Amino acid sequence: MPSNTTATTGDKPGKSGRKKGRKARLVVLVLVLAIIGGIAYGAYWSISTVRASFPQTRGSITLDGLSGPVDVKRDGNGIPQIYASSDEDLFMAQGFVQAQDRFYEMDVRRHMTSGRLSEMFGKGQVKNDEFLRTLGWDRVAKKEYDTKLSDSTKKYLQAYAKGVNAYLQGKDGKDISLEYAALGFVNDY
């Protein structure tokens, strides 16, 4: 056997290096596409979640319980002006519009005044709830409602609450507020 002969496997030189390079490029391409897909889905979810909680400011909404037409006009800053033919309709529309714009804040304040923040934010709020319950805001409000408010004022407050409830009907937390979507809050109102 001549001394300058070498044994080969039959593969062309450098072919296995090209295969590894192709595999690496394919893995990088798949990872980049997965990252782009994840970012696109995250952007879609974020935008749709935020938009779902925006109030309806155009068109018509039919509410059961109104005795006549109600007109809600918003200025350039989105501030509503409500026109109604009766006081009860005005208060019902006010409740609906305020719930559209600010229900999360209304609900946090409702939980706060009754010492129930831990229901929304977890065990870390139990001490605050204990303190808030000692203030008795919920108890005082109920007593004043029963003893100090006139029948007409109660009627207006009931119409307002009816408007708030009309807005909430059939909605999940994520449809009402971005905060509910972020907290994963379930409808209990």
C-alpha atoms as a PDB file:
ATOM      1  CA  MET A   1       0.000   0.000   0.000  1.00  0.00           C
ATOM      2  CA  PRO A   2       1.397   3.372  -0.917  1.00  0.00           C
ATOM      3  CA  SER A   3       2.193   5.689   1.937  1.00  0.00           C
ATOM      4  CA  ASN A   4       0.297   8.701   0.568  1.00  0.00           C
ATOM      5  CA  THR A   5      -3.157   7.023   0.433  1.00  0.00           C
ATOM      6  CA  THR A   6      -5.956   7.970   2.871  1.00  0.00           C
ATOM      7  CA  ALA A   7      -9.247   6.311   3.619  1.00  0.00           C
ATOM      8  CA  THR A   8     -12.447   8.305   2.958  1.00  0.00           C
ATOM      9  CA  THR A   9     -16.105   7.783   3.781  1.00  0.00           C
ATOM     10  CA  GLY A  10     -17.304   8.809   0.383  1.00  0.00           C
ATOM     11  CA  ASP A  11     -18.823  12.150   1.526  1.00  0.00           C
ATOM     12  CA  LYS A  12     -17.847  15.310  -0.249  1.00  0.00           C
ATOM     13  CA  PRO A  13     -15.669  17.572   1.854  1.00  0.00           C
ATOM     14  CA  GLY A  14     -17.608  20.318   3.781  1.00  0.00           C
ATOM     15  CA  LYS A  15     -21.096  18.865   3.160  1.00  0.00           C
ATOM     16  CA  SER A  16     -21.838  18.133   6.841  1.00  0.00           C
ATOM     17  CA  GLY A  17     -20.868  21.722   7.724  1.00  0.00           C
ATOM     18  CA  ARG A  18     -23.410  23.047   5.195  1.00  0.00           C
ATOM     19  CA  LYS A  19     -26.145  20.826   6.671  1.00  0.00           C
ATOM     20  CA  LYS A  20     -25.412  22.170  10.154  1.00  0.00           C
ATOM     21  CA  GLY A  21     -25.523  25.729   8.812  1.00  0.00           C
ATOM     22  CA  ARG A  22     -28.897  25.115   7.160  1.00  0.00           C
ATOM     23  CA  LYS A  23     -30.300  23.590  10.355  1.00  0.00           C
ATOM     24  CA  ALA A  24     -29.057  26.540  12.400  1.00  0.00           C
ATOM     25  CA  ARG A  25     -30.596  29.042   9.955  1.00  0.00           C
ATOM     26  CA  LEU A  26     -33.870  27.103  10.006  1.00  0.00           C
ATOM     27  CA  VAL A  27     -33.945  27.110  13.825  1.00  0.00           C
ATOM     28  CA  VAL A  28     -33.199  30.854  13.907  1.00  0.00           C
ATOM     29  CA  LEU A  29     -35.888  31.509  11.280  1.00  0.00           C
ATOM     30  CA  VAL A  30     -38.486  29.504  13.230  1.00  0.00           C
ATOM     31  CA  LEU A  31     -37.570  31.328  16.464  1.00  0.00           C
ATOM     32  CA  VAL A  32     -37.779  34.745  14.787  1.00  0.00           C
ATOM     33  CA  LEU A  33     -41.175  33.879  13.274  1.00  0.00           C
ATOM     34  CA  ALA A  34     -42.418  32.613  16.650  1.00  0.00           C
ATOM     35  CA  ILE A  35     -41.269  35.829  18.349  1.00  0.00           C
ATOM     36  CA  ILE A  36     -42.899  37.976  15.656  1.00  0.00           C
ATOM     37  CA  GLY A  37     -46.097  35.908  15.943  1.00  0.00           C
ATOM     38  CA  GLY A  38     -46.072  36.279  19.735  1.00  0.00           C
ATOM     39  CA  ILE A  39     -45.573  40.037  19.503  1.00  0.00           C
ATOM     40  CA  ALA A  40     -48.344  40.328  16.890  1.00  0.00           C
ATOM     41  CA  TYR A  41     -50.754  38.291  19.031  1.00  0.00           C
ATOM     42  CA  GLY A  42     -49.843  40.328  22.125  1.00  0.00           C
ATOM     43  CA  ALA A  43     -50.465  43.570  20.235  1.00  0.00           C
ATOM     44  CA  TYR A  44     -53.795  42.273  18.912  1.00  0.00           C
ATOM     45  CA  TRP A  45     -54.877  41.117  22.389  1.00  0.00           C
ATOM     46  CA  SER A  46     -53.830  44.422  23.970  1.00  0.00           C
ATOM     47  CA  ILE A  47     -55.615  46.557  21.401  1.00  0.00           C
ATOM     48  CA  SER A  48     -58.804  44.473  21.405  1.00  0.00           C
ATOM     49  CA  THR A  49     -58.885  44.352  25.227  1.00  0.00           C
ATOM     50  CA  VAL A  50     -58.445  48.109  25.528  1.00  0.00           C
ATOM     51  CA  ARG A  51     -61.027  48.845  22.829  1.00  0.00           C
ATOM     52  CA  ALA A  52     -63.569  46.442  24.336  1.00  0.00           C
ATOM     53  CA  SER A  53     -63.751  48.623  27.436  1.00  0.00           C
ATOM     54  CA  PHE A  54     -64.337  51.895  25.551  1.00  0.00           C
ATOM     55  CA  PRO A  55     -67.848  53.344  25.853  1.00  0.00           C
ATOM     56  CA  GLN A  56     -70.127  53.365  22.840  1.00  0.00           C
ATOM     57  CA  THR A  57     -70.280  57.011  21.811  1.00  0.00           C
ATOM     58  CA  ARG A  58     -72.006  56.718  18.432  1.00  0.00           C
ATOM     59  CA  GLY A  59     -75.305  55.287  17.352  1.00  0.00           C
ATOM     60  CA  SER A  60     -78.304  54.342  19.448  1.00  0.00           C
ATOM     61  CA  ILE A  61     -78.779  52.158  22.491  1.00  0.00           C
ATOM     62  CA  THR A  62     -82.178  50.918  23.630  1.00  0.00           C
ATOM     63  CA  LEU A  63     -82.702  50.721  27.391  1.00  0.00           C
ATOM     64  CA  ASP A  64     -85.743  49.130  28.963  1.00  0.00           C
ATOM     65  CA  GLY A  65     -87.375  51.381  31.515  1.00  0.00           C
ATOM     66  CA  LEU A  66     -87.027  54.749  29.784  1.00  0.00           C
ATOM     67  CA  SER A  67     -90.297  56.630  29.386  1.00  0.00           C
ATOM     68  CA  GLY A  68     -89.054  58.701  26.456  1.00  0.00           C
ATOM     69  CA  PRO A  69     -86.062  59.386  24.251  1.00  0.00           C
ATOM     70  CA  VAL A  70     -82.789  60.442  25.868  1.00  0.00           C
ATOM     71  CA  ASP A  71     -80.026  62.223  23.982  1.00  0.00           C
ATOM     72  CA  VAL A  72     -76.412  61.927  25.107  1.00  0.00           C
ATOM     73  CA  LYS A  73     -73.958  64.269  23.408  1.00  0.00           C
ATOM     74  CA  ARG A  74     -70.244  64.243  24.111  1.00  0.00           C
ATOM     75  CA  ASP A  75     -68.035  67.255  23.582  1.00  0.00           C
ATOM     76  CA  GLY A  76     -64.546  67.120  22.062  1.00  0.00           C
ATOM     77  CA  ASN A  77     -63.140  65.854  25.365  1.00  0.00           C
ATOM     78  CA  GLY A  78     -65.706  63.055  25.638  1.00  0.00           C
ATOM     79  CA  ILE A  79     -67.622  64.767  28.444  1.00  0.00           C
ATOM     80  CA  PRO A  80     -71.289  63.734  28.215  1.00  0.00           C
ATOM     81  CA  GLN A  81     -74.264  66.068  28.253  1.00  0.00           C
ATOM     82  CA  ILE A  82     -77.558  64.296  28.813  1.00  0.00           C
ATOM     83  CA  TYR A  83     -80.963  65.541  27.694  1.00  0.00           C
ATOM     84  CA  ALA A  84     -84.130  63.746  28.787  1.00  0.00           C
ATOM     85  CA  SER A  85     -87.836  64.512  29.040  1.00  0.00           C
ATOM     86  CA  SER A  86     -88.121  63.270  32.644  1.00  0.00           C
ATOM     87  CA  ASP A  87     -85.933  63.338  35.730  1.00  0.00           C
ATOM     88  CA  GLU A  88     -86.060  59.550  36.087  1.00  0.00           C
ATOM     89  CA  ASP A  89     -84.867  59.090  32.499  1.00  0.00           C
ATOM     90  CA  LEU A  90     -82.116  61.632  33.092  1.00  0.00           C
ATOM     91  CA  PHE A  91     -80.846  59.787  36.175  1.00  0.00           C
ATOM     92  CA  MET A  92     -81.085  56.400  34.476  1.00  0.00           C
ATOM     93  CA  ALA A  93     -79.077  57.690  31.518  1.00  0.00           C
ATOM     94  CA  GLN A  94     -76.576  59.286  33.911  1.00  0.00           C
ATOM     95  CA  GLY A  95     -76.063  55.925  35.633  1.00  0.00           C
ATOM     96  CA  PHE A  96     -75.587  54.176  32.287  1.00  0.00           C
ATOM     97  CA  VAL A  97     -73.132  56.774  30.977  1.00  0.00           C
ATOM     98  CA  GLN A  98     -71.166  56.959  34.213  1.00  0.00           C
ATOM     99  CA  ALA A  99     -70.872  53.164  34.287  1.00  0.00           C
ATOM    100  CA  GLN A 100     -69.645  53.243  30.668  1.00  0.00           C
ATOM    101  CA  ASP A 101     -66.970  55.771  31.541  1.00  0.00           C
ATOM    102  CA  ARG A 102     -65.968  54.914  35.102  1.00  0.00           C
ATOM    103  CA  PHE A 103     -67.384  51.636  36.378  1.00  0.00           C
ATOM    104  CA  TYR A 104     -64.050  50.284  37.578  1.00  0.00           C
ATOM    105  CA  GLU A 105     -63.570  53.352  39.780  1.00  0.00           C
ATOM    106  CA  MET A 106     -67.167  53.122  40.994  1.00  0.00           C
ATOM    107  CA  ASP A 107     -66.694  49.453  41.888  1.00  0.00           C
ATOM    108  CA  VAL A 108     -63.399  50.041  43.714  1.00  0.00           C
ATOM    109  CA  ARG A 109     -65.049  52.795  45.758  1.00  0.00           C
ATOM    110  CA  ARG A 110     -68.028  50.533  46.470  1.00  0.00           C
ATOM    111  CA  HIS A 111     -65.696  47.826  47.750  1.00  0.00           C
ATOM    112  CA  MET A 112     -63.673  50.381  49.703  1.00  0.00           C
ATOM    113  CA  THR A 113     -66.610  51.971  51.497  1.00  0.00           C
ATOM    114  CA  SER A 114     -67.958  48.583  52.526  1.00  0.00           C
ATOM    115  CA  GLY A 115     -64.550  47.236  53.600  1.00  0.00           C
ATOM    116  CA  ARG A 116     -64.353  44.610  50.852  1.00  0.00           C
ATOM    117  CA  LEU A 117     -61.167  45.488  48.953  1.00  0.00           C
ATOM    118  CA  SER A 118     -59.710  42.039  49.621  1.00  0.00           C
ATOM    119  CA  GLU A 119     -62.410  40.591  47.354  1.00  0.00           C
ATOM    120  CA  MET A 120     -60.801  42.462  44.472  1.00  0.00           C
ATOM    121  CA  PHE A 121     -57.132  42.614  45.403  1.00  0.00           C
ATOM    122  CA  GLY A 122     -56.529  39.605  47.617  1.00  0.00           C
ATOM    123  CA  LYS A 123     -55.458  38.803  51.159  1.00  0.00           C
ATOM    124  CA  GLY A 124     -53.076  41.756  51.321  1.00  0.00           C
ATOM    125  CA  GLN A 125     -56.090  44.049  51.795  1.00  0.00           C
ATOM    126  CA  VAL A 126     -57.661  42.265  54.785  1.00  0.00           C
ATOM    127  CA  LYS A 127     -56.139  44.691  57.334  1.00  0.00           C
ATOM    128  CA  ASN A 128     -57.406  47.643  55.293  1.00  0.00           C
ATOM    129  CA  ASP A 129     -60.853  46.043  55.118  1.00  0.00           C
ATOM    130  CA  GLU A 130     -60.892  45.589  58.887  1.00  0.00           C
ATOM    131  CA  PHE A 131     -60.027  49.258  59.373  1.00  0.00           C
ATOM    132  CA  LEU A 132     -62.515  50.483  56.758  1.00  0.00           C
ATOM    133  CA  ARG A 133     -65.304  48.462  58.355  1.00  0.00           C
ATOM    134  CA  THR A 134     -64.650  50.195  61.686  1.00  0.00           C
ATOM    135  CA  LEU A 135     -65.399  53.516  59.965  1.00  0.00           C
ATOM    136  CA  GLY A 136     -68.907  52.257  59.186  1.00  0.00           C
ATOM    137  CA  TRP A 137     -69.337  54.097  55.887  1.00  0.00           C
ATOM    138  CA  ASP A 138     -71.581  51.380  54.481  1.00  0.00           C
ATOM    139  CA  ARG A 139     -73.730  51.313  57.625  1.00  0.00           C
ATOM    140  CA  VAL A 140     -74.046  55.129  57.717  1.00  0.00           C
ATOM    141  CA  ALA A 141     -74.990  55.302  54.026  1.00  0.00           C
ATOM    142  CA  LYS A 142     -77.725  52.677  54.455  1.00  0.00           C
ATOM    143  CA  LYS A 143     -79.094  54.417  57.555  1.00  0.00           C
ATOM    144  CA  GLU A 144     -79.154  57.822  55.859  1.00  0.00           C
ATOM    145  CA  TYR A 145     -80.806  56.338  52.778  1.00  0.00           C
ATOM    146  CA  ASP A 146     -83.539  54.836  54.963  1.00  0.00           C
ATOM    147  CA  THR A 147     -84.081  57.811  57.284  1.00  0.00           C
ATOM    148  CA  LYS A 148     -82.934  61.069  55.682  1.00  0.00           C
ATOM    149  CA  LEU A 149     -83.630  60.918  51.965  1.00  0.00           C
ATOM    150  CA  SER A 150     -86.916  62.039  50.450  1.00  0.00           C
ATOM    151  CA  ASP A 151     -88.955  59.654  48.344  1.00  0.00           C
ATOM    152  CA  SER A 152     -88.097  61.611  45.177  1.00  0.00           C
ATOM    153  CA  THR A 153     -84.358  61.417  45.931  1.00  0.00           C
ATOM    154  CA  LYS A 154     -84.660  57.667  46.488  1.00  0.00           C
ATOM    155  CA  LYS A 155     -86.520  57.384  43.188  1.00  0.00           C
ATOM    156  CA  TYR A 156     -83.681  59.221  41.386  1.00  0.00           C
ATOM    157  CA  LEU A 157     -81.020  57.050  43.029  1.00  0.00           C
ATOM    158  CA  GLN A 158     -82.948  53.926  42.049  1.00  0.00           C
ATOM    159  CA  ALA A 159     -83.174  55.181  38.455  1.00  0.00           C
ATOM    160  CA  TYR A 160     -79.413  55.868  38.501  1.00  0.00           C
ATOM    161  CA  ALA A 161     -78.721  52.342  39.808  1.00  0.00           C
ATOM    162  CA  LYS A 162     -81.045  50.926  37.144  1.00  0.00           C
ATOM    163  CA  GLY A 163     -78.932  52.690  34.496  1.00  0.00           C
ATOM    164  CA  VAL A 164     -75.700  51.302  35.958  1.00  0.00           C
ATOM    165  CA  ASN A 165     -77.191  47.798  36.010  1.00  0.00           C
ATOM    166  CA  ALA A 166     -78.448  48.193  32.432  1.00  0.00           C
ATOM    167  CA  TYR A 167     -74.887  48.917  31.330  1.00  0.00           C
ATOM    168  CA  LEU A 168     -73.495  45.903  33.205  1.00  0.00           C
ATOM    169  CA  GLN A 169     -76.099  43.453  31.925  1.00  0.00           C
ATOM    170  CA  GLY A 170     -74.506  40.696  29.873  1.00  0.00           C
ATOM    171  CA  LYS A 171     -70.954  42.008  30.180  1.00  0.00           C
ATOM    172  CA  ASP A 172     -67.879  40.247  31.536  1.00  0.00           C
ATOM    173  CA  GLY A 173     -65.253  42.142  33.492  1.00  0.00           C
ATOM    174  CA  LYS A 174     -62.941  42.346  30.475  1.00  0.00           C
ATOM    175  CA  ASP A 175     -65.710  44.069  28.483  1.00  0.00           C
ATOM    176  CA  ILE A 176     -66.123  46.726  31.144  1.00  0.00           C
ATOM    177  CA  SER A 177     -62.611  47.754  32.016  1.00  0.00           C
ATOM    178  CA  LEU A 178     -58.999  47.116  31.137  1.00  0.00           C
ATOM    179  CA  GLU A 179     -58.289  46.790  34.855  1.00  0.00           C
ATOM    180  CA  TYR A 180     -60.725  43.877  35.162  1.00  0.00           C
ATOM    181  CA  ALA A 181     -59.078  42.174  32.187  1.00  0.00           C
ATOM    182  CA  ALA A 182     -55.624  42.626  33.747  1.00  0.00           C
ATOM    183  CA  LEU A 183     -56.807  41.356  37.143  1.00  0.00           C
ATOM    184  CA  GLY A 184     -58.781  38.483  35.615  1.00  0.00           C
ATOM    185  CA  PHE A 185     -61.738  39.731  37.635  1.00  0.00           C
ATOM    186  CA  VAL A 186     -64.982  37.764  37.342  1.00  0.00           C
ATOM    187  CA  ASN A 187     -68.376  39.458  37.249  1.00  0.00           C
ATOM    188  CA  ASP A 188     -69.960  39.623  40.720  1.00  0.00           C
ATOM    189  CA  TYR A 189     -71.945  42.809  40.460  1.00  0.00           C
END
